[in-house]
Amino acid sequence: MTAYRVEQPGRPQPAEIPVARRASPRHIPKGIPIASPTISRAPPVTPASLEPSTSAEPRMAIPISEYRELCRSLQTLTASQSSLAQEMAAIRACQEQMLTTQAQHTAILRQLQHHLGLPSAAEHLSLTTAVPYSQATEPQAPPKAATEEVEPSA
């Protein structure tokens, strides 16, 4: 890999970077010169473009170290976004499963209520809202016919 020395003004001179300190080539776009990350005052680099810019904004040169840091930040953000998207998909799948289970439980509850002759939740709500508050809070005696035993007539 080739880097450019900062010490010599004018034309940059290539310098060899040790293998252990080289950046991974898959993360650095082609056409961008690679410099050592230990250089604190890297020369400004204008990204090479094949087509002229159609932007109304003027071009700007940034140090290669800043460019690399921006590339690392973009890579980190992209990985985080991908991870979050996977987690959201897993959460949606769990949510769908929970909704399906809830619907099944609701259907079973309604069947049990119907089988036992109990009012459904909707009927129960309409009965309690129709009764005034004072009557609903007072204890009520069960109907007499239901509590008395029927005596056989002789």
N, C-alpha and C. Protein backbone atom coordinates (compact mmCIF):
# COMPACT_ATOMS: atom_id res chain seq x y z
N MET A 1 0.83 -1.18 0.00
CA MET A 1 0.00 0.00 0.00
C MET A 1 0.87 1.23 0.00
N THR A 2 0.31 2.30 -0.50
CA THR A 2 1.09 3.51 -0.63
C THR A 2 0.43 4.63 0.15
N ALA A 3 1.24 5.41 0.85
CA ALA A 3 0.77 6.60 1.54
C ALA A 3 1.63 7.75 1.06
N TYR A 4 1.26 8.95 1.41
CA TYR A 4 2.02 10.11 0.98
C TYR A 4 2.55 10.83 2.20
N ARG A 5 3.83 11.18 2.13
CA ARG A 5 4.46 11.88 3.25
C ARG A 5 4.01 13.33 3.27
N VAL A 6 3.87 13.83 4.48
CA VAL A 6 3.44 15.21 4.66
C VAL A 6 4.61 16.16 4.66
N GLU A 7 5.78 15.68 5.06
CA GLU A 7 6.93 16.55 5.27
C GLU A 7 7.37 17.30 4.02
N GLN A 8 7.24 16.69 2.85
CA GLN A 8 7.78 17.30 1.65
C GLN A 8 6.69 18.08 0.92
N PRO A 9 6.86 19.39 0.84
CA PRO A 9 5.87 20.18 0.10
C PRO A 9 6.00 19.91 -1.40
N GLY A 10 5.01 20.32 -2.11
CA GLY A 10 5.03 20.09 -3.55
C GLY A 10 4.42 18.75 -3.86
N ARG A 11 5.19 17.92 -4.51
CA ARG A 11 4.68 16.62 -4.93
C ARG A 11 4.86 15.58 -3.82
N PRO A 12 3.79 14.88 -3.44
CA PRO A 12 3.92 13.87 -2.38
C PRO A 12 4.76 12.69 -2.83
N GLN A 13 5.51 12.14 -1.88
CA GLN A 13 6.36 10.98 -2.14
C GLN A 13 5.73 9.75 -1.50
N PRO A 14 5.72 8.62 -2.23
CA PRO A 14 5.14 7.40 -1.65
C PRO A 14 5.95 6.90 -0.46
N ALA A 15 5.27 6.34 0.52
CA ALA A 15 5.90 5.72 1.69
C ALA A 15 5.20 4.41 1.96
N GLU A 16 5.96 3.39 2.31
CA GLU A 16 5.38 2.06 2.56
C GLU A 16 4.78 2.03 3.96
N ILE A 17 3.58 1.44 4.08
CA ILE A 17 2.90 1.30 5.36
C ILE A 17 3.08 -0.14 5.82
N PRO A 18 3.45 -0.37 7.09
CA PRO A 18 3.58 -1.74 7.59
C PRO A 18 2.26 -2.50 7.44
N VAL A 19 2.35 -3.80 7.17
CA VAL A 19 1.17 -4.62 6.92
C VAL A 19 0.21 -4.59 8.10
N ALA A 20 0.72 -4.60 9.32
CA ALA A 20 -0.13 -4.65 10.51
C ALA A 20 -0.98 -3.39 10.66
N ARG A 21 -0.54 -2.26 10.10
CA ARG A 21 -1.26 -1.01 10.26
C ARG A 21 -2.07 -0.63 9.04
N ARG A 22 -2.13 -1.47 8.05
CA ARG A 22 -2.88 -1.15 6.84
C ARG A 22 -4.38 -1.26 7.09
N ALA A 23 -5.11 -0.37 6.47
CA ALA A 23 -6.57 -0.42 6.55
C ALA A 23 -7.08 -1.49 5.60
N SER A 24 -8.22 -2.01 5.91
CA SER A 24 -8.83 -3.03 5.06
C SER A 24 -9.24 -2.39 3.74
N PRO A 25 -8.83 -2.94 2.59
CA PRO A 25 -9.13 -2.32 1.31
C PRO A 25 -10.61 -2.37 0.96
N ARG A 26 -11.38 -3.26 1.55
CA ARG A 26 -12.79 -3.32 1.18
C ARG A 26 -13.60 -2.17 1.75
N HIS A 27 -13.05 -1.44 2.73
CA HIS A 27 -13.78 -0.33 3.34
C HIS A 27 -13.42 1.01 2.73
N ILE A 28 -12.40 1.07 1.93
CA ILE A 28 -11.95 2.33 1.35
C ILE A 28 -12.29 2.32 -0.13
N PRO A 29 -13.05 3.31 -0.60
CA PRO A 29 -13.44 3.33 -2.01
C PRO A 29 -12.23 3.40 -2.93
N LYS A 30 -12.37 2.82 -4.11
CA LYS A 30 -11.30 2.85 -5.10
C LYS A 30 -11.09 4.28 -5.58
N GLY A 31 -9.87 4.60 -5.92
CA GLY A 31 -9.56 5.93 -6.43
C GLY A 31 -9.17 6.91 -5.35
N ILE A 32 -9.24 6.51 -4.09
CA ILE A 32 -8.86 7.39 -2.99
C ILE A 32 -7.49 6.94 -2.49
N PRO A 33 -6.50 7.85 -2.45
CA PRO A 33 -5.19 7.45 -1.95
C PRO A 33 -5.27 7.07 -0.48
N ILE A 34 -4.46 6.10 -0.07
CA ILE A 34 -4.48 5.61 1.29
C ILE A 34 -3.29 6.18 2.03
N ALA A 35 -3.53 6.76 3.20
CA ALA A 35 -2.46 7.33 4.01
C ALA A 35 -2.44 6.64 5.36
N SER A 36 -1.31 6.73 6.04
CA SER A 36 -1.16 6.12 7.36
C SER A 36 -2.08 6.83 8.35
N PRO A 37 -2.81 6.07 9.20
CA PRO A 37 -3.71 6.70 10.15
C PRO A 37 -2.98 7.43 11.27
N THR A 38 -1.66 7.23 11.42
CA THR A 38 -0.92 7.89 12.49
C THR A 38 -0.50 9.30 12.11
N ILE A 39 -0.65 9.70 10.87
CA ILE A 39 -0.28 11.04 10.45
C ILE A 39 -1.31 12.01 11.00
N SER A 40 -0.84 12.97 11.80
CA SER A 40 -1.77 13.88 12.43
C SER A 40 -2.17 15.04 11.51
N ARG A 41 -1.27 15.44 10.62
CA ARG A 41 -1.59 16.56 9.74
C ARG A 41 -1.49 16.10 8.30
N ALA A 42 -2.48 15.36 7.89
CA ALA A 42 -2.50 14.85 6.52
C ALA A 42 -2.89 15.96 5.57
N PRO A 43 -2.39 15.91 4.33
CA PRO A 43 -2.75 16.95 3.37
C PRO A 43 -4.22 16.81 2.97
N PRO A 44 -4.85 17.92 2.62
CA PRO A 44 -6.24 17.84 2.19
C PRO A 44 -6.35 17.00 0.92
N VAL A 45 -7.42 16.26 0.82
CA VAL A 45 -7.65 15.39 -0.33
C VAL A 45 -8.99 15.77 -0.94
N THR A 46 -9.00 16.00 -2.23
CA THR A 46 -10.24 16.23 -2.95
C THR A 46 -10.61 14.93 -3.63
N PRO A 47 -11.78 14.34 -3.30
CA PRO A 47 -12.15 13.08 -3.92
C PRO A 47 -12.21 13.21 -5.43
N ALA A 48 -11.63 12.22 -6.10
CA ALA A 48 -11.63 12.22 -7.56
C ALA A 48 -13.02 11.87 -8.06
N SER A 49 -13.49 12.60 -9.05
CA SER A 49 -14.81 12.35 -9.59
C SER A 49 -14.69 12.19 -11.10
N LEU A 50 -15.39 11.21 -11.63
CA LEU A 50 -15.35 10.98 -13.06
C LEU A 50 -16.22 11.98 -13.81
N GLU A 51 -17.28 12.43 -13.16
CA GLU A 51 -18.19 13.39 -13.79
C GLU A 51 -18.12 14.71 -13.04
N PRO A 52 -18.30 15.82 -13.74
CA PRO A 52 -18.29 17.10 -13.03
C PRO A 52 -19.49 17.19 -12.10
N SER A 53 -19.30 17.89 -11.00
CA SER A 53 -20.36 18.03 -10.01
C SER A 53 -21.49 18.88 -10.56
N THR A 54 -22.71 18.43 -10.35
CA THR A 54 -23.88 19.22 -10.76
C THR A 54 -24.42 20.02 -9.60
N SER A 55 -23.77 19.90 -8.44
CA SER A 55 -24.21 20.60 -7.25
C SER A 55 -23.85 22.08 -7.36
N ALA A 56 -24.69 22.93 -6.76
CA ALA A 56 -24.41 24.36 -6.73
C ALA A 56 -23.39 24.68 -5.65
N GLU A 57 -23.12 23.73 -4.75
CA GLU A 57 -22.17 23.96 -3.67
C GLU A 57 -20.74 23.84 -4.19
N PRO A 58 -19.83 24.66 -3.68
CA PRO A 58 -18.44 24.56 -4.12
C PRO A 58 -17.79 23.29 -3.55
N ARG A 59 -16.76 22.81 -4.24
CA ARG A 59 -16.04 21.63 -3.76
C ARG A 59 -15.20 22.02 -2.55
N MET A 60 -14.93 21.00 -1.73
CA MET A 60 -14.19 21.26 -0.50
C MET A 60 -13.18 20.14 -0.29
N ALA A 61 -11.99 20.48 0.11
CA ALA A 61 -10.96 19.47 0.40
C ALA A 61 -10.98 19.19 1.90
N ILE A 62 -10.89 17.91 2.26
CA ILE A 62 -10.82 17.53 3.67
C ILE A 62 -9.60 16.64 3.88
N PRO A 63 -9.04 16.66 5.07
CA PRO A 63 -7.89 15.79 5.34
C PRO A 63 -8.31 14.31 5.23
N ILE A 64 -7.38 13.49 4.77
CA ILE A 64 -7.66 12.07 4.58
C ILE A 64 -8.04 11.41 5.89
N SER A 65 -7.45 11.85 7.01
CA SER A 65 -7.80 11.26 8.31
C SER A 65 -9.27 11.53 8.65
N GLU A 66 -9.74 12.72 8.32
CA GLU A 66 -11.15 13.04 8.57
C GLU A 66 -12.05 12.22 7.65
N TYR A 67 -11.62 12.06 6.40
CA TYR A 67 -12.38 11.25 5.44
C TYR A 67 -12.48 9.81 5.94
N ARG A 68 -11.37 9.28 6.43
CA ARG A 68 -11.38 7.90 6.94
C ARG A 68 -12.29 7.77 8.15
N GLU A 69 -12.25 8.75 9.02
CA GLU A 69 -13.11 8.71 10.21
C GLU A 69 -14.58 8.75 9.79
N LEU A 70 -14.90 9.56 8.79
CA LEU A 70 -16.27 9.59 8.28
C LEU A 70 -16.67 8.25 7.67
N CYS A 71 -15.74 7.61 6.97
CA CYS A 71 -16.02 6.28 6.40
C CYS A 71 -16.28 5.27 7.50
N ARG A 72 -15.47 5.31 8.57
CA ARG A 72 -15.68 4.39 9.70
C ARG A 72 -17.03 4.65 10.36
N SER A 73 -17.37 5.92 10.53
CA SER A 73 -18.66 6.26 11.14
C SER A 73 -19.81 5.76 10.28
N LEU A 74 -19.69 5.95 8.97
CA LEU A 74 -20.73 5.46 8.06
C LEU A 74 -20.85 3.95 8.15
N GLN A 75 -19.73 3.26 8.20
CA GLN A 75 -19.75 1.80 8.30
C GLN A 75 -20.41 1.36 9.61
N THR A 76 -20.08 2.03 10.71
CA THR A 76 -20.67 1.70 12.01
C THR A 76 -22.18 1.95 11.99
N LEU A 77 -22.58 3.08 11.45
CA LEU A 77 -24.01 3.40 11.38
C LEU A 77 -24.76 2.42 10.49
N THR A 78 -24.15 2.01 9.39
CA THR A 78 -24.78 1.05 8.49
C THR A 78 -24.96 -0.30 9.19
N ALA A 79 -23.94 -0.73 9.92
CA ALA A 79 -24.03 -1.99 10.66
C ALA A 79 -25.10 -1.90 11.74
N SER A 80 -25.16 -0.77 12.44
CA SER A 80 -26.17 -0.59 13.48
C SER A 80 -27.57 -0.60 12.88
N GLN A 81 -27.73 0.07 11.75
CA GLN A 81 -29.04 0.10 11.08
C GLN A 81 -29.46 -1.31 10.67
N SER A 82 -28.54 -2.07 10.14
CA SER A 82 -28.84 -3.44 9.73
C SER A 82 -29.24 -4.29 10.93
N SER A 83 -28.51 -4.15 12.01
CA SER A 83 -28.81 -4.90 13.23
C SER A 83 -30.18 -4.52 13.78
N LEU A 84 -30.47 -3.23 13.80
CA LEU A 84 -31.78 -2.77 14.28
C LEU A 84 -32.91 -3.26 13.39
N ALA A 85 -32.69 -3.28 12.09
CA ALA A 85 -33.72 -3.78 11.17
C ALA A 85 -34.00 -5.26 11.43
N GLN A 86 -32.95 -6.04 11.70
CA GLN A 86 -33.14 -7.46 12.02
C GLN A 86 -33.89 -7.63 13.33
N GLU A 87 -33.55 -6.84 14.33
CA GLU A 87 -34.24 -6.92 15.62
C GLU A 87 -35.71 -6.52 15.47
N MET A 88 -35.97 -5.49 14.67
CA MET A 88 -37.36 -5.07 14.45
C MET A 88 -38.16 -6.16 13.76
N ALA A 89 -37.55 -6.85 12.81
CA ALA A 89 -38.23 -7.94 12.12
C ALA A 89 -38.55 -9.07 13.11
N ALA A 90 -37.61 -9.37 14.00
CA ALA A 90 -37.85 -10.41 15.01
C ALA A 90 -38.96 -9.99 15.96
N ILE A 91 -38.97 -8.72 16.35
CA ILE A 91 -40.02 -8.21 17.24
C ILE A 91 -41.38 -8.28 16.55
N ARG A 92 -41.43 -7.91 15.27
CA ARG A 92 -42.69 -8.00 14.52
C ARG A 92 -43.20 -9.44 14.46
N ALA A 93 -42.29 -10.39 14.25
CA ALA A 93 -42.68 -11.80 14.20
C ALA A 93 -43.25 -12.24 15.55
N CYS A 94 -42.60 -11.84 16.64
CA CYS A 94 -43.11 -12.17 17.97
C CYS A 94 -44.47 -11.52 18.21
N GLN A 95 -44.61 -10.28 17.77
CA GLN A 95 -45.87 -9.56 17.94
C GLN A 95 -46.99 -10.26 17.18
N GLU A 96 -46.70 -10.70 15.96
CA GLU A 96 -47.71 -11.43 15.18
C GLU A 96 -48.10 -12.72 15.89
N GLN A 97 -47.12 -13.42 16.43
CA GLN A 97 -47.40 -14.67 17.16
C GLN A 97 -48.25 -14.39 18.39
N MET A 98 -47.94 -13.32 19.10
CA MET A 98 -48.71 -12.97 20.29
C MET A 98 -50.14 -12.60 19.92
N LEU A 99 -50.33 -11.87 18.84
CA LEU A 99 -51.68 -11.52 18.40
C LEU A 99 -52.47 -12.76 18.00
N THR A 100 -51.82 -13.70 17.35
CA THR A 100 -52.48 -14.95 16.97
C THR A 100 -52.89 -15.73 18.21
N THR A 101 -51.98 -15.83 19.18
CA THR A 101 -52.27 -16.53 20.43
C THR A 101 -53.41 -15.84 21.17
N GLN A 102 -53.39 -14.51 21.21
CA GLN A 102 -54.44 -13.76 21.88
C GLN A 102 -55.79 -14.02 21.23
N ALA A 103 -55.84 -14.04 19.91
CA ALA A 103 -57.09 -14.31 19.20
C ALA A 103 -57.59 -15.72 19.52
N GLN A 104 -56.68 -16.68 19.59
CA GLN A 104 -57.07 -18.05 19.93
C GLN A 104 -57.62 -18.12 21.36
N HIS A 105 -56.96 -17.45 22.29
CA HIS A 105 -57.41 -17.45 23.68
C HIS A 105 -58.77 -16.76 23.81
N THR A 106 -58.96 -15.69 23.07
CA THR A 106 -60.25 -14.99 23.11
C THR A 106 -61.36 -15.90 22.59
N ALA A 107 -61.09 -16.63 21.51
CA ALA A 107 -62.10 -17.54 20.97
C ALA A 107 -62.42 -18.64 21.97
N ILE A 108 -61.41 -19.19 22.64
CA ILE A 108 -61.64 -20.23 23.65
C ILE A 108 -62.45 -19.66 24.81
N LEU A 109 -62.11 -18.45 25.26
CA LEU A 109 -62.85 -17.80 26.35
C LEU A 109 -64.31 -17.63 25.98
N ARG A 110 -64.58 -17.18 24.78
CA ARG A 110 -65.98 -16.99 24.35
C ARG A 110 -66.73 -18.32 24.32
N GLN A 111 -66.05 -19.36 23.85
CA GLN A 111 -66.69 -20.68 23.83
C GLN A 111 -67.01 -21.15 25.24
N LEU A 112 -66.09 -20.95 26.18
CA LEU A 112 -66.33 -21.34 27.57
C LEU A 112 -67.47 -20.53 28.17
N GLN A 113 -67.47 -19.23 27.92
CA GLN A 113 -68.54 -18.38 28.45
C GLN A 113 -69.89 -18.83 27.89
N HIS A 114 -69.94 -19.13 26.63
CA HIS A 114 -71.18 -19.57 26.01
C HIS A 114 -71.62 -20.92 26.59
N HIS A 115 -70.67 -21.84 26.74
CA HIS A 115 -70.96 -23.17 27.27
C HIS A 115 -71.47 -23.09 28.71
N LEU A 116 -70.87 -22.20 29.51
CA LEU A 116 -71.26 -22.08 30.92
C LEU A 116 -72.42 -21.12 31.12
N GLY A 117 -72.88 -20.48 30.06
CA GLY A 117 -74.00 -19.54 30.16
C GLY A 117 -73.62 -18.23 30.81
N LEU A 118 -72.35 -17.89 30.79
CA LEU A 118 -71.89 -16.62 31.35
C LEU A 118 -71.99 -15.53 30.29
N PRO A 119 -72.23 -14.29 30.72
CA PRO A 119 -72.26 -13.21 29.72
C PRO A 119 -70.86 -12.99 29.17
N SER A 120 -70.80 -12.64 27.91
CA SER A 120 -69.50 -12.34 27.31
C SER A 120 -69.01 -11.00 27.85
N ALA A 121 -67.79 -10.67 27.56
CA ALA A 121 -67.23 -9.41 28.05
C ALA A 121 -68.04 -8.22 27.56
N ALA A 122 -68.49 -8.24 26.32
CA ALA A 122 -69.28 -7.13 25.78
C ALA A 122 -70.63 -7.05 26.49
N GLU A 123 -71.27 -8.21 26.72
CA GLU A 123 -72.55 -8.21 27.44
C GLU A 123 -72.35 -7.76 28.87
N HIS A 124 -71.26 -8.19 29.50
CA HIS A 124 -70.97 -7.82 30.89
C HIS A 124 -70.78 -6.32 31.01
N LEU A 125 -70.08 -5.72 30.07
CA LEU A 125 -69.87 -4.28 30.09
C LEU A 125 -71.18 -3.53 29.92
N SER A 126 -72.04 -4.00 29.03
CA SER A 126 -73.30 -3.31 28.81
C SER A 126 -74.21 -3.44 30.02
N LEU A 127 -74.15 -4.56 30.74
CA LEU A 127 -74.96 -4.73 31.95
C LEU A 127 -74.46 -3.83 33.07
N THR A 128 -73.17 -3.72 33.26
CA THR A 128 -72.64 -2.91 34.35
C THR A 128 -72.78 -1.43 34.07
N THR A 129 -72.74 -1.03 32.83
CA THR A 129 -72.89 0.40 32.54
C THR A 129 -74.35 0.82 32.60
N ALA A 130 -75.28 -0.12 32.46
CA ALA A 130 -76.70 0.22 32.52
C ALA A 130 -77.16 0.40 33.96
N VAL A 131 -76.47 -0.19 34.93
CA VAL A 131 -76.85 -0.11 36.33
C VAL A 131 -76.23 1.14 36.93
N PRO A 132 -77.00 1.99 37.62
CA PRO A 132 -76.42 3.18 38.26
C PRO A 132 -75.35 2.78 39.27
N TYR A 133 -74.43 3.70 39.52
CA TYR A 133 -73.28 3.42 40.38
C TYR A 133 -73.72 3.02 41.79
N SER A 134 -74.69 3.72 42.38
CA SER A 134 -75.10 3.42 43.75
C SER A 134 -75.68 2.02 43.86
N GLN A 135 -76.39 1.57 42.86
CA GLN A 135 -76.96 0.23 42.90
C GLN A 135 -75.89 -0.82 42.65
N ALA A 136 -74.93 -0.51 41.85
CA ALA A 136 -73.90 -1.49 41.51
C ALA A 136 -72.98 -1.76 42.69
N THR A 137 -72.79 -0.78 43.58
CA THR A 137 -71.86 -0.97 44.70
C THR A 137 -72.53 -1.59 45.91
N GLU A 138 -73.86 -1.51 46.01
CA GLU A 138 -74.54 -2.11 47.15
C GLU A 138 -74.61 -3.61 46.99
N PRO A 139 -74.37 -4.35 48.08
CA PRO A 139 -74.50 -5.80 47.96
C PRO A 139 -75.96 -6.18 47.72
N GLN A 140 -76.15 -7.08 46.84
CA GLN A 140 -77.50 -7.49 46.51
C GLN A 140 -77.68 -8.95 46.89
N ALA A 141 -78.87 -9.25 47.41
CA ALA A 141 -79.18 -10.63 47.77
C ALA A 141 -79.51 -11.40 46.50
N PRO A 142 -79.11 -12.64 46.45
CA PRO A 142 -79.44 -13.43 45.27
C PRO A 142 -80.95 -13.65 45.20
N PRO A 143 -81.47 -13.88 44.03
CA PRO A 143 -82.91 -14.10 43.91
C PRO A 143 -83.35 -15.26 44.79
N LYS A 144 -84.57 -15.12 45.37
CA LYS A 144 -85.07 -16.13 46.31
C LYS A 144 -85.26 -17.48 45.65
N ALA A 145 -85.77 -17.51 44.48
CA ALA A 145 -86.06 -18.78 43.83
C ALA A 145 -84.79 -19.60 43.63
N ALA A 146 -83.69 -18.93 43.43
CA ALA A 146 -82.45 -19.65 43.18
C ALA A 146 -81.84 -20.19 44.46
N THR A 147 -82.11 -19.53 45.64
CA THR A 147 -81.47 -19.96 46.88
C THR A 147 -82.31 -20.95 47.67
N GLU A 148 -83.62 -20.90 47.51
CA GLU A 148 -84.47 -21.83 48.26
C GLU A 148 -84.52 -23.17 47.56
N GLU A 149 -84.53 -24.19 48.38
CA GLU A 149 -84.67 -25.51 47.81
C GLU A 149 -86.14 -25.77 47.53
N VAL A 150 -86.38 -26.40 46.45
CA VAL A 150 -87.75 -26.71 46.09
C VAL A 150 -88.19 -27.92 46.92
N GLU A 151 -89.32 -27.71 47.66
CA GLU A 151 -89.83 -28.81 48.47
C GLU A 151 -90.80 -29.64 47.65
N PRO A 152 -90.65 -30.92 47.71
CA PRO A 152 -91.59 -31.75 46.95
C PRO A 152 -92.97 -31.69 47.58
N SER A 153 -93.99 -31.57 46.80
CA SER A 153 -95.35 -31.52 47.33
C SER A 153 -95.84 -32.94 47.56
N ALA A 154 -96.47 -33.06 48.70
CA ALA A 154 -96.94 -34.40 49.05
C ALA A 154 -98.40 -34.57 48.90
